């Protein structure tokens, strides 16, 4: 994430059915056999439920993008980020990435692609030229909990055993009585 700081333009992409783009070696297909009421079948491509699917896909993207990772790209499983220090360089960096995708017949999910922006979400983090920023969606839940615990603490001054009555609530939040006061 820190490697993304200082880049003027970013493009966020997601591989389309990433695992399903990897063909299984014909000699290994029998290991994926499953039975249905219509007969015996096996997978031709990697399936999500197979052992080591994630690791296999990560190895693939690391291998095909080896020359660009850390320089103009960051990749984690099927999430792809193209980064450029200057706006002038961004089209060139995207072109390099698209050439590799074309060479390996890898498809992107157009609904999950954003090109040439200054910030966006990558792996659940808000990323911008300044680096990692707070994700407002996640912070809102924390602020709401703090607000609620503050209200309960204020009410506790006027209601006997309020903390005892709210103990299940605080236990659910994994907040001890000592942390509240």
N, C-alpha and C. Protein backbone atom coordinates (compact mmCIF):
# COMPACT_ATOMS: atom_id res chain seq x y z
N UNK A 1 0.82 -1.20 0.00
CA UNK A 1 0.00 0.00 0.00
C UNK A 1 0.86 1.26 0.00
N UNK A 2 1.96 1.21 0.74
CA UNK A 2 2.83 2.39 0.79
C UNK A 2 3.48 2.69 -0.56
N UNK A 3 3.63 1.68 -1.40
CA UNK A 3 4.25 1.86 -2.71
C UNK A 3 3.37 2.66 -3.65
N UNK A 4 2.12 2.89 -3.27
CA UNK A 4 1.18 3.61 -4.14
C UNK A 4 1.25 5.12 -3.90
N UNK A 5 1.73 5.53 -2.73
CA UNK A 5 1.80 6.95 -2.41
C UNK A 5 2.69 7.68 -3.42
N UNK A 6 2.28 8.90 -3.74
CA UNK A 6 3.07 9.73 -4.64
C UNK A 6 2.78 9.53 -6.12
N UNK A 7 1.79 8.76 -6.45
CA UNK A 7 1.43 8.53 -7.85
C UNK A 7 0.23 9.40 -8.21
N UNK A 8 0.37 10.15 -9.29
CA UNK A 8 -0.65 11.12 -9.69
C UNK A 8 -1.93 10.46 -10.18
N UNK A 9 -1.80 9.41 -11.00
CA UNK A 9 -2.98 8.74 -11.54
C UNK A 9 -2.95 7.25 -11.21
N UNK A 10 -4.14 6.72 -10.96
CA UNK A 10 -4.31 5.31 -10.62
C UNK A 10 -5.44 4.73 -11.47
N UNK A 11 -5.33 3.45 -11.78
CA UNK A 11 -6.42 2.72 -12.44
C UNK A 11 -6.63 1.42 -11.68
N UNK A 12 -7.88 1.15 -11.33
CA UNK A 12 -8.22 -0.04 -10.55
C UNK A 12 -8.98 -1.01 -11.44
N UNK A 13 -8.53 -2.26 -11.47
CA UNK A 13 -9.18 -3.27 -12.30
C UNK A 13 -9.36 -4.57 -11.53
N UNK A 14 -10.28 -5.38 -12.03
CA UNK A 14 -10.55 -6.67 -11.42
C UNK A 14 -10.66 -7.70 -12.54
N UNK A 15 -9.92 -8.80 -12.39
CA UNK A 15 -9.97 -9.86 -13.41
C UNK A 15 -11.35 -10.51 -13.40
N UNK A 16 -11.83 -10.83 -14.57
CA UNK A 16 -13.15 -11.46 -14.72
C UNK A 16 -13.02 -12.95 -14.43
N UNK A 17 -13.70 -13.42 -13.39
CA UNK A 17 -13.66 -14.84 -13.02
C UNK A 17 -12.23 -15.36 -13.07
N UNK A 18 -11.36 -14.68 -12.34
CA UNK A 18 -9.93 -14.94 -12.39
C UNK A 18 -9.53 -16.40 -12.41
N UNK A 19 -9.97 -17.17 -11.43
CA UNK A 19 -9.57 -18.57 -11.35
C UNK A 19 -10.01 -19.35 -12.58
N UNK A 20 -11.18 -19.02 -13.07
CA UNK A 20 -11.75 -19.76 -14.20
C UNK A 20 -11.03 -19.50 -15.52
N UNK A 21 -10.02 -18.64 -15.51
CA UNK A 21 -9.25 -18.38 -16.71
C UNK A 21 -8.00 -19.26 -16.80
N UNK A 22 -7.79 -20.10 -15.77
CA UNK A 22 -6.63 -20.98 -15.76
C UNK A 22 -7.08 -22.38 -16.13
N UNK A 23 -6.54 -22.90 -17.22
CA UNK A 23 -6.89 -24.26 -17.65
C UNK A 23 -6.12 -25.28 -16.82
N UNK A 24 -6.81 -26.35 -16.46
CA UNK A 24 -6.20 -27.44 -15.71
C UNK A 24 -5.47 -28.36 -16.69
N UNK A 25 -4.30 -28.81 -16.30
CA UNK A 25 -3.54 -29.75 -17.11
C UNK A 25 -4.42 -30.97 -17.36
N UNK A 26 -4.55 -31.42 -18.61
CA UNK A 26 -5.42 -32.57 -18.91
C UNK A 26 -5.14 -33.81 -18.07
N UNK A 27 -3.89 -34.02 -17.69
CA UNK A 27 -3.57 -35.20 -16.87
C UNK A 27 -4.08 -35.05 -15.44
N UNK A 28 -4.37 -33.82 -15.00
CA UNK A 28 -4.85 -33.58 -13.63
C UNK A 28 -6.37 -33.45 -13.54
N UNK A 29 -7.05 -33.42 -14.66
CA UNK A 29 -8.50 -33.20 -14.65
C UNK A 29 -9.25 -34.29 -13.89
N UNK A 30 -8.76 -35.51 -13.94
CA UNK A 30 -9.45 -36.61 -13.25
C UNK A 30 -9.50 -36.37 -11.73
N UNK A 31 -8.59 -35.55 -11.22
CA UNK A 31 -8.57 -35.24 -9.79
C UNK A 31 -9.69 -34.28 -9.40
N UNK A 32 -10.35 -33.68 -10.37
CA UNK A 32 -11.44 -32.74 -10.10
C UNK A 32 -12.80 -33.37 -10.37
N UNK A 33 -12.86 -34.67 -10.50
CA UNK A 33 -14.09 -35.37 -10.86
C UNK A 33 -15.16 -35.20 -9.80
N UNK A 34 -16.39 -35.01 -10.25
CA UNK A 34 -17.55 -34.97 -9.35
C UNK A 34 -18.72 -35.67 -10.03
N UNK A 35 -19.66 -36.11 -9.21
CA UNK A 35 -20.79 -36.91 -9.71
C UNK A 35 -22.07 -36.10 -9.57
N UNK A 36 -22.90 -36.15 -10.62
CA UNK A 36 -24.25 -35.58 -10.56
C UNK A 36 -25.23 -36.66 -11.00
N UNK A 37 -26.49 -36.36 -10.92
CA UNK A 37 -27.49 -37.34 -11.37
C UNK A 37 -27.45 -37.54 -12.89
N UNK A 38 -26.77 -36.66 -13.61
CA UNK A 38 -26.65 -36.76 -15.06
C UNK A 38 -25.37 -37.47 -15.50
N UNK A 39 -24.45 -37.70 -14.56
CA UNK A 39 -23.23 -38.40 -14.93
C UNK A 39 -22.01 -37.92 -14.17
N UNK A 40 -20.85 -38.31 -14.66
CA UNK A 40 -19.56 -38.00 -14.08
C UNK A 40 -18.93 -36.84 -14.85
N UNK A 41 -18.44 -35.83 -14.13
CA UNK A 41 -17.86 -34.67 -14.78
C UNK A 41 -16.53 -34.31 -14.12
N UNK A 42 -15.72 -33.52 -14.83
CA UNK A 42 -14.50 -32.96 -14.24
C UNK A 42 -14.31 -31.55 -14.79
N UNK A 43 -13.53 -30.77 -14.07
CA UNK A 43 -13.30 -29.38 -14.46
C UNK A 43 -12.24 -29.28 -15.55
N UNK A 44 -12.45 -28.34 -16.48
CA UNK A 44 -11.44 -28.02 -17.50
C UNK A 44 -10.61 -26.83 -17.04
N UNK A 45 -11.21 -25.99 -16.18
CA UNK A 45 -10.53 -24.80 -15.66
C UNK A 45 -10.55 -24.84 -14.14
N UNK A 46 -9.69 -24.03 -13.53
CA UNK A 46 -9.63 -23.97 -12.07
C UNK A 46 -10.98 -23.50 -11.54
N UNK A 47 -11.40 -24.12 -10.47
CA UNK A 47 -12.65 -23.76 -9.82
C UNK A 47 -12.34 -23.18 -8.45
N UNK A 48 -13.22 -22.33 -7.96
CA UNK A 48 -13.00 -21.65 -6.68
C UNK A 48 -12.77 -22.61 -5.52
N UNK A 49 -13.44 -23.72 -5.48
CA UNK A 49 -13.36 -24.63 -4.34
C UNK A 49 -12.17 -25.57 -4.33
N UNK A 50 -11.39 -25.60 -5.38
CA UNK A 50 -10.26 -26.52 -5.44
C UNK A 50 -9.13 -26.06 -4.51
N UNK A 51 -8.39 -27.02 -3.99
CA UNK A 51 -7.28 -26.72 -3.08
C UNK A 51 -6.20 -25.93 -3.83
N UNK A 52 -5.66 -24.93 -3.19
CA UNK A 52 -4.57 -24.09 -3.72
C UNK A 52 -4.96 -23.23 -4.92
N UNK A 53 -6.24 -23.05 -5.16
CA UNK A 53 -6.66 -22.23 -6.29
C UNK A 53 -6.14 -20.79 -6.15
N UNK A 54 -6.33 -20.21 -4.97
CA UNK A 54 -5.88 -18.83 -4.75
C UNK A 54 -4.39 -18.68 -4.93
N UNK A 55 -3.62 -19.61 -4.36
CA UNK A 55 -2.17 -19.55 -4.48
C UNK A 55 -1.73 -19.73 -5.92
N UNK A 56 -2.39 -20.61 -6.64
CA UNK A 56 -2.05 -20.85 -8.04
C UNK A 56 -2.30 -19.60 -8.87
N UNK A 57 -3.44 -18.95 -8.64
CA UNK A 57 -3.76 -17.74 -9.39
C UNK A 57 -2.78 -16.62 -9.04
N UNK A 58 -2.44 -16.49 -7.75
CA UNK A 58 -1.49 -15.44 -7.34
C UNK A 58 -0.13 -15.68 -8.01
N UNK A 59 0.31 -16.93 -8.06
CA UNK A 59 1.58 -17.25 -8.74
C UNK A 59 1.51 -16.87 -10.22
N UNK A 60 0.37 -17.12 -10.84
CA UNK A 60 0.20 -16.77 -12.25
C UNK A 60 0.34 -15.27 -12.47
N UNK A 61 -0.40 -14.46 -11.71
CA UNK A 61 -0.34 -13.01 -11.93
C UNK A 61 1.04 -12.46 -11.56
N UNK A 62 1.67 -13.03 -10.53
CA UNK A 62 3.03 -12.60 -10.18
C UNK A 62 4.00 -12.88 -11.33
N UNK A 63 3.80 -14.01 -11.98
CA UNK A 63 4.70 -14.40 -13.08
C UNK A 63 4.47 -13.55 -14.33
N UNK A 64 3.22 -13.37 -14.71
CA UNK A 64 2.97 -12.65 -15.97
C UNK A 64 3.24 -11.15 -15.84
N UNK A 65 3.07 -10.59 -14.64
CA UNK A 65 3.30 -9.15 -14.44
C UNK A 65 4.62 -8.87 -13.72
N UNK A 66 5.53 -9.85 -13.66
CA UNK A 66 6.77 -9.73 -12.89
C UNK A 66 7.56 -8.45 -13.21
N UNK A 67 7.61 -8.07 -14.48
CA UNK A 67 8.40 -6.90 -14.86
C UNK A 67 7.77 -5.58 -14.44
N UNK A 68 6.47 -5.59 -14.14
CA UNK A 68 5.77 -4.34 -13.83
C UNK A 68 5.41 -4.18 -12.35
N UNK A 69 5.33 -5.29 -11.62
CA UNK A 69 4.93 -5.22 -10.21
C UNK A 69 5.96 -4.42 -9.42
N UNK A 70 5.46 -3.46 -8.67
CA UNK A 70 6.32 -2.59 -7.88
C UNK A 70 6.80 -1.37 -8.63
N UNK A 71 6.71 -1.41 -9.95
CA UNK A 71 7.16 -0.27 -10.77
C UNK A 71 5.94 0.54 -11.22
N UNK A 72 5.07 -0.10 -12.00
CA UNK A 72 3.87 0.60 -12.48
C UNK A 72 2.60 -0.16 -12.13
N UNK A 73 2.74 -1.26 -11.38
CA UNK A 73 1.56 -2.07 -11.03
C UNK A 73 1.68 -2.62 -9.62
N UNK A 74 0.53 -2.93 -9.04
CA UNK A 74 0.42 -3.72 -7.82
C UNK A 74 -0.69 -4.72 -8.11
N UNK A 75 -0.51 -5.97 -7.72
CA UNK A 75 -1.49 -7.01 -8.01
C UNK A 75 -1.67 -7.86 -6.77
N UNK A 76 -2.93 -8.12 -6.43
CA UNK A 76 -3.24 -9.06 -5.35
C UNK A 76 -4.39 -9.93 -5.84
N UNK A 77 -4.11 -11.17 -6.09
CA UNK A 77 -5.04 -12.15 -6.65
C UNK A 77 -5.67 -11.54 -7.90
N UNK A 78 -6.96 -11.20 -7.88
CA UNK A 78 -7.59 -10.69 -9.09
C UNK A 78 -7.76 -9.17 -9.10
N UNK A 79 -7.22 -8.50 -8.08
CA UNK A 79 -7.27 -7.04 -8.02
C UNK A 79 -5.98 -6.47 -8.61
N UNK A 80 -6.13 -5.60 -9.59
CA UNK A 80 -4.99 -5.04 -10.31
C UNK A 80 -5.04 -3.52 -10.18
N UNK A 81 -3.88 -2.92 -9.90
CA UNK A 81 -3.77 -1.47 -9.81
C UNK A 81 -2.61 -1.03 -10.69
N UNK A 82 -2.87 -0.11 -11.61
CA UNK A 82 -1.82 0.50 -12.42
C UNK A 82 -1.63 1.90 -11.87
N UNK A 83 -0.37 2.25 -11.60
CA UNK A 83 -0.04 3.54 -10.98
C UNK A 83 0.95 4.29 -11.85
N UNK A 84 0.84 5.62 -11.84
CA UNK A 84 1.75 6.45 -12.64
C UNK A 84 2.11 7.69 -11.86
N UNK A 85 3.41 7.99 -11.83
CA UNK A 85 3.89 9.19 -11.12
C UNK A 85 3.36 10.46 -11.78
N UNK A 86 3.21 10.42 -13.11
CA UNK A 86 2.70 11.58 -13.85
C UNK A 86 1.55 11.14 -14.76
N UNK A 87 0.68 12.07 -15.04
CA UNK A 87 -0.47 11.78 -15.91
C UNK A 87 -0.01 11.40 -17.31
N UNK A 88 1.07 11.99 -17.79
CA UNK A 88 1.58 11.70 -19.13
C UNK A 88 2.01 10.24 -19.28
N UNK A 89 2.43 9.62 -18.22
CA UNK A 89 2.95 8.25 -18.26
C UNK A 89 1.85 7.20 -18.11
N UNK A 90 0.67 7.61 -17.69
CA UNK A 90 -0.37 6.65 -17.34
C UNK A 90 -0.85 5.80 -18.53
N UNK A 91 -1.06 6.41 -19.65
CA UNK A 91 -1.51 5.64 -20.84
C UNK A 91 -0.46 4.60 -21.24
N UNK A 92 0.80 4.97 -21.13
CA UNK A 92 1.87 4.01 -21.45
C UNK A 92 1.84 2.82 -20.49
N UNK A 93 1.68 3.11 -19.19
CA UNK A 93 1.63 2.04 -18.18
C UNK A 93 0.42 1.13 -18.39
N UNK A 94 -0.72 1.72 -18.73
CA UNK A 94 -1.91 0.92 -19.02
C UNK A 94 -1.69 0.06 -20.26
N UNK A 95 -1.06 0.62 -21.26
CA UNK A 95 -0.79 -0.11 -22.49
C UNK A 95 0.08 -1.34 -22.23
N UNK A 96 1.10 -1.20 -21.39
CA UNK A 96 1.95 -2.34 -21.03
C UNK A 96 1.14 -3.43 -20.36
N UNK A 97 0.27 -3.03 -19.44
CA UNK A 97 -0.57 -3.99 -18.73
C UNK A 97 -1.54 -4.69 -19.68
N UNK A 98 -2.17 -3.92 -20.58
CA UNK A 98 -3.12 -4.51 -21.53
C UNK A 98 -2.43 -5.45 -22.51
N UNK A 99 -1.21 -5.14 -22.89
CA UNK A 99 -0.45 -6.04 -23.77
C UNK A 99 -0.25 -7.40 -23.11
N UNK A 100 0.08 -7.39 -21.83
CA UNK A 100 0.28 -8.64 -21.10
C UNK A 100 -1.04 -9.39 -20.95
N UNK A 101 -2.11 -8.68 -20.62
CA UNK A 101 -3.42 -9.33 -20.51
C UNK A 101 -3.82 -9.99 -21.83
N UNK A 102 -3.57 -9.29 -22.93
CA UNK A 102 -3.89 -9.83 -24.25
C UNK A 102 -3.05 -11.06 -24.57
N UNK A 103 -1.77 -10.99 -24.26
CA UNK A 103 -0.85 -12.10 -24.52
C UNK A 103 -1.29 -13.38 -23.81
N UNK A 104 -1.82 -13.23 -22.59
CA UNK A 104 -2.22 -14.39 -21.79
C UNK A 104 -3.74 -14.63 -21.79
N UNK A 105 -4.45 -13.95 -22.70
CA UNK A 105 -5.90 -14.11 -22.84
C UNK A 105 -6.63 -13.96 -21.51
N UNK A 106 -6.25 -12.94 -20.75
CA UNK A 106 -6.87 -12.68 -19.46
C UNK A 106 -7.90 -11.56 -19.62
N UNK A 107 -9.08 -11.78 -19.08
CA UNK A 107 -10.17 -10.83 -19.22
C UNK A 107 -10.36 -10.01 -17.94
N UNK A 108 -10.84 -8.78 -18.10
CA UNK A 108 -11.17 -7.92 -16.97
C UNK A 108 -12.68 -7.81 -16.85
N UNK A 109 -13.14 -7.55 -15.63
CA UNK A 109 -14.55 -7.31 -15.39
C UNK A 109 -14.80 -5.81 -15.57
N UNK A 110 -15.43 -5.39 -16.66
CA UNK A 110 -15.59 -3.95 -16.92
C UNK A 110 -16.41 -3.22 -15.85
N UNK A 111 -17.27 -3.94 -15.15
CA UNK A 111 -18.08 -3.31 -14.10
C UNK A 111 -17.25 -2.93 -12.87
N UNK A 112 -16.05 -3.51 -12.77
CA UNK A 112 -15.20 -3.25 -11.60
C UNK A 112 -13.90 -2.55 -11.98
N UNK A 113 -13.91 -1.84 -13.10
CA UNK A 113 -12.71 -1.13 -13.56
C UNK A 113 -12.93 0.37 -13.50
N UNK A 114 -11.92 1.07 -13.00
CA UNK A 114 -11.94 2.54 -12.95
C UNK A 114 -10.57 3.00 -13.45
N UNK A 115 -10.56 3.88 -14.45
CA UNK A 115 -9.30 4.28 -15.08
C UNK A 115 -8.99 5.76 -14.86
N UNK A 116 -7.71 6.05 -14.62
CA UNK A 116 -7.22 7.42 -14.57
C UNK A 116 -7.83 8.29 -13.49
N UNK A 117 -7.83 7.81 -12.26
CA UNK A 117 -8.38 8.58 -11.14
C UNK A 117 -7.25 8.90 -10.15
N UNK A 118 -7.51 9.85 -9.27
CA UNK A 118 -6.48 10.23 -8.29
C UNK A 118 -6.62 9.43 -6.99
N UNK A 119 -7.76 8.78 -6.79
CA UNK A 119 -7.95 7.96 -5.59
C UNK A 119 -9.02 6.91 -5.84
N UNK A 120 -9.03 5.89 -5.00
CA UNK A 120 -10.01 4.84 -5.13
C UNK A 120 -9.80 3.76 -4.08
N UNK A 121 -10.63 2.73 -4.14
CA UNK A 121 -10.56 1.65 -3.16
C UNK A 121 -9.79 0.48 -3.75
N UNK A 122 -8.77 0.00 -3.00
CA UNK A 122 -7.98 -1.15 -3.40
C UNK A 122 -7.81 -2.04 -2.19
N UNK A 123 -8.29 -3.27 -2.29
CA UNK A 123 -8.24 -4.24 -1.20
C UNK A 123 -8.93 -3.72 0.07
N UNK A 124 -9.97 -2.93 -0.11
CA UNK A 124 -10.73 -2.42 1.02
C UNK A 124 -10.17 -1.14 1.62
N UNK A 125 -9.04 -0.67 1.12
CA UNK A 125 -8.42 0.56 1.62
C UNK A 125 -8.65 1.69 0.63
N UNK A 126 -8.79 2.89 1.14
CA UNK A 126 -8.88 4.07 0.28
C UNK A 126 -7.45 4.51 -0.02
N UNK A 127 -7.11 4.56 -1.30
CA UNK A 127 -5.77 4.88 -1.75
C UNK A 127 -5.80 6.18 -2.53
N UNK A 128 -4.82 7.05 -2.28
CA UNK A 128 -4.70 8.28 -3.05
C UNK A 128 -3.23 8.61 -3.22
N UNK A 129 -2.95 9.76 -3.79
CA UNK A 129 -1.58 10.21 -4.00
C UNK A 129 -0.86 10.34 -2.66
N UNK A 130 -1.60 10.63 -1.60
CA UNK A 130 -1.01 10.79 -0.26
C UNK A 130 -0.75 9.45 0.42
N UNK A 131 -1.28 8.36 -0.15
CA UNK A 131 -1.11 7.03 0.44
C UNK A 131 -2.44 6.48 0.92
N UNK A 132 -2.41 5.72 2.01
CA UNK A 132 -3.63 5.13 2.55
C UNK A 132 -4.40 6.19 3.32
N UNK A 133 -5.69 6.26 3.05
CA UNK A 133 -6.56 7.20 3.75
C UNK A 133 -7.66 6.43 4.46
N UNK A 134 -8.32 7.09 5.36
CA UNK A 134 -9.40 6.47 6.12
C UNK A 134 -10.56 6.14 5.19
N UNK A 135 -11.12 4.95 5.36
CA UNK A 135 -12.29 4.52 4.61
C UNK A 135 -13.52 4.97 5.39
N UNK A 136 -14.23 5.96 4.89
CA UNK A 136 -15.35 6.55 5.63
C UNK A 136 -16.43 5.55 5.97
N UNK A 137 -16.62 4.53 5.13
CA UNK A 137 -17.63 3.51 5.41
C UNK A 137 -17.30 2.75 6.70
N UNK A 138 -16.02 2.45 6.91
CA UNK A 138 -15.60 1.70 8.09
C UNK A 138 -15.53 2.60 9.32
N UNK A 139 -15.15 3.84 9.14
CA UNK A 139 -15.05 4.76 10.26
C UNK A 139 -16.42 5.09 10.83
N UNK A 140 -17.43 5.17 9.99
CA UNK A 140 -18.78 5.51 10.44
C UNK A 140 -19.27 4.53 11.51
N UNK A 141 -19.04 3.24 11.32
CA UNK A 141 -19.47 2.25 12.30
C UNK A 141 -18.76 2.47 13.63
N UNK A 142 -17.48 2.77 13.60
CA UNK A 142 -16.74 3.03 14.84
C UNK A 142 -17.24 4.28 15.54
N UNK A 143 -17.51 5.32 14.77
CA UNK A 143 -18.02 6.56 15.36
C UNK A 143 -19.40 6.35 15.98
N UNK A 144 -20.23 5.55 15.33
CA UNK A 144 -21.56 5.25 15.87
C UNK A 144 -21.46 4.51 17.20
N UNK A 145 -20.54 3.56 17.29
CA UNK A 145 -20.35 2.81 18.54
C UNK A 145 -19.83 3.73 19.64
N UNK A 146 -18.88 4.59 19.31
CA UNK A 146 -18.36 5.53 20.31
C UNK A 146 -19.46 6.46 20.79
N UNK A 147 -20.29 6.91 19.88
CA UNK A 147 -21.40 7.80 20.24
C UNK A 147 -22.35 7.09 21.20
N UNK A 148 -22.69 5.84 20.88
CA UNK A 148 -23.62 5.07 21.71
C UNK A 148 -23.05 4.79 23.10
N UNK A 149 -21.79 4.39 23.17
CA UNK A 149 -21.19 4.11 24.48
C UNK A 149 -21.08 5.39 25.31
N UNK A 150 -20.83 6.50 24.65
CA UNK A 150 -20.80 7.79 25.35
C UNK A 150 -22.16 8.13 25.95
N UNK A 151 -23.22 7.90 25.21
CA UNK A 151 -24.58 8.16 25.70
C UNK A 151 -24.91 7.27 26.89
N UNK A 152 -24.56 5.99 26.80
CA UNK A 152 -24.84 5.06 27.90
C UNK A 152 -24.08 5.48 29.14
N UNK A 153 -22.84 5.92 28.98
CA UNK A 153 -22.04 6.39 30.11
C UNK A 153 -22.68 7.61 30.76
N UNK A 154 -23.19 8.53 29.94
CA UNK A 154 -23.84 9.72 30.48
C UNK A 154 -25.12 9.35 31.23
N UNK A 155 -25.88 8.42 30.70
CA UNK A 155 -27.12 7.98 31.36
C UNK A 155 -26.82 7.24 32.65
N UNK A 156 -25.68 6.56 32.71
CA UNK A 156 -25.32 5.77 33.90
C UNK A 156 -25.23 6.63 35.14
N UNK A 157 -24.92 7.89 34.99
CA UNK A 157 -24.84 8.80 36.15
C UNK A 157 -26.20 9.00 36.82
N UNK A 158 -27.27 8.84 36.06
CA UNK A 158 -28.61 9.12 36.57
C UNK A 158 -29.46 7.87 36.76
N UNK A 159 -29.01 6.74 36.31
CA UNK A 159 -29.78 5.50 36.41
C UNK A 159 -28.97 4.48 37.20
N UNK A 160 -29.60 3.92 38.21
CA UNK A 160 -28.88 2.94 39.02
C UNK A 160 -28.65 1.65 38.22
N UNK A 161 -27.48 1.11 38.36
CA UNK A 161 -27.08 -0.15 37.72
C UNK A 161 -27.21 -0.13 36.20
N UNK A 162 -27.08 1.05 35.61
CA UNK A 162 -27.18 1.15 34.14
C UNK A 162 -26.08 0.34 33.46
N UNK A 163 -24.88 0.38 34.04
CA UNK A 163 -23.77 -0.36 33.44
C UNK A 163 -24.06 -1.85 33.50
N UNK A 164 -24.62 -2.32 34.65
CA UNK A 164 -24.95 -3.75 34.77
C UNK A 164 -26.00 -4.15 33.74
N UNK A 165 -26.96 -3.29 33.51
CA UNK A 165 -28.01 -3.59 32.53
C UNK A 165 -27.48 -3.59 31.10
N UNK A 166 -26.44 -2.81 30.87
CA UNK A 166 -25.85 -2.72 29.53
C UNK A 166 -24.68 -3.69 29.34
N UNK A 167 -24.37 -4.45 30.38
CA UNK A 167 -23.22 -5.36 30.30
C UNK A 167 -23.25 -6.27 29.07
N UNK A 168 -24.40 -6.89 28.74
CA UNK A 168 -24.39 -7.74 27.54
C UNK A 168 -24.02 -6.96 26.27
N UNK A 169 -24.47 -5.72 26.21
CA UNK A 169 -24.14 -4.88 25.06
C UNK A 169 -22.63 -4.64 25.00
N UNK A 170 -22.04 -4.25 26.13
CA UNK A 170 -20.60 -4.00 26.15
C UNK A 170 -19.80 -5.27 25.92
N UNK A 171 -20.31 -6.38 26.43
CA UNK A 171 -19.63 -7.65 26.21
C UNK A 171 -19.63 -7.99 24.72
N UNK A 172 -20.74 -7.72 24.08
CA UNK A 172 -20.83 -7.98 22.63
C UNK A 172 -19.84 -7.12 21.86
N UNK A 173 -19.60 -5.94 22.34
CA UNK A 173 -18.63 -5.04 21.71
C UNK A 173 -17.21 -5.33 22.17
N UNK A 174 -17.08 -6.26 23.12
CA UNK A 174 -15.79 -6.62 23.71
C UNK A 174 -15.13 -5.40 24.33
N UNK A 175 -15.94 -4.62 25.03
CA UNK A 175 -15.44 -3.45 25.73
C UNK A 175 -15.64 -3.70 27.22
N UNK A 176 -14.58 -3.61 28.00
CA UNK A 176 -14.72 -3.85 29.43
C UNK A 176 -15.22 -2.58 30.12
N UNK A 177 -15.73 -2.74 31.35
CA UNK A 177 -16.21 -1.60 32.11
C UNK A 177 -15.10 -0.60 32.37
N UNK A 178 -13.87 -1.08 32.54
CA UNK A 178 -12.74 -0.18 32.79
C UNK A 178 -12.45 0.70 31.59
N UNK A 179 -12.66 0.19 30.38
CA UNK A 179 -12.40 0.98 29.19
C UNK A 179 -13.46 2.06 28.97
N UNK A 180 -14.65 1.80 29.51
CA UNK A 180 -15.75 2.77 29.34
C UNK A 180 -15.51 3.98 30.24
N UNK A 181 -15.06 3.74 31.45
CA UNK A 181 -14.84 4.84 32.38
C UNK A 181 -13.39 5.16 32.37
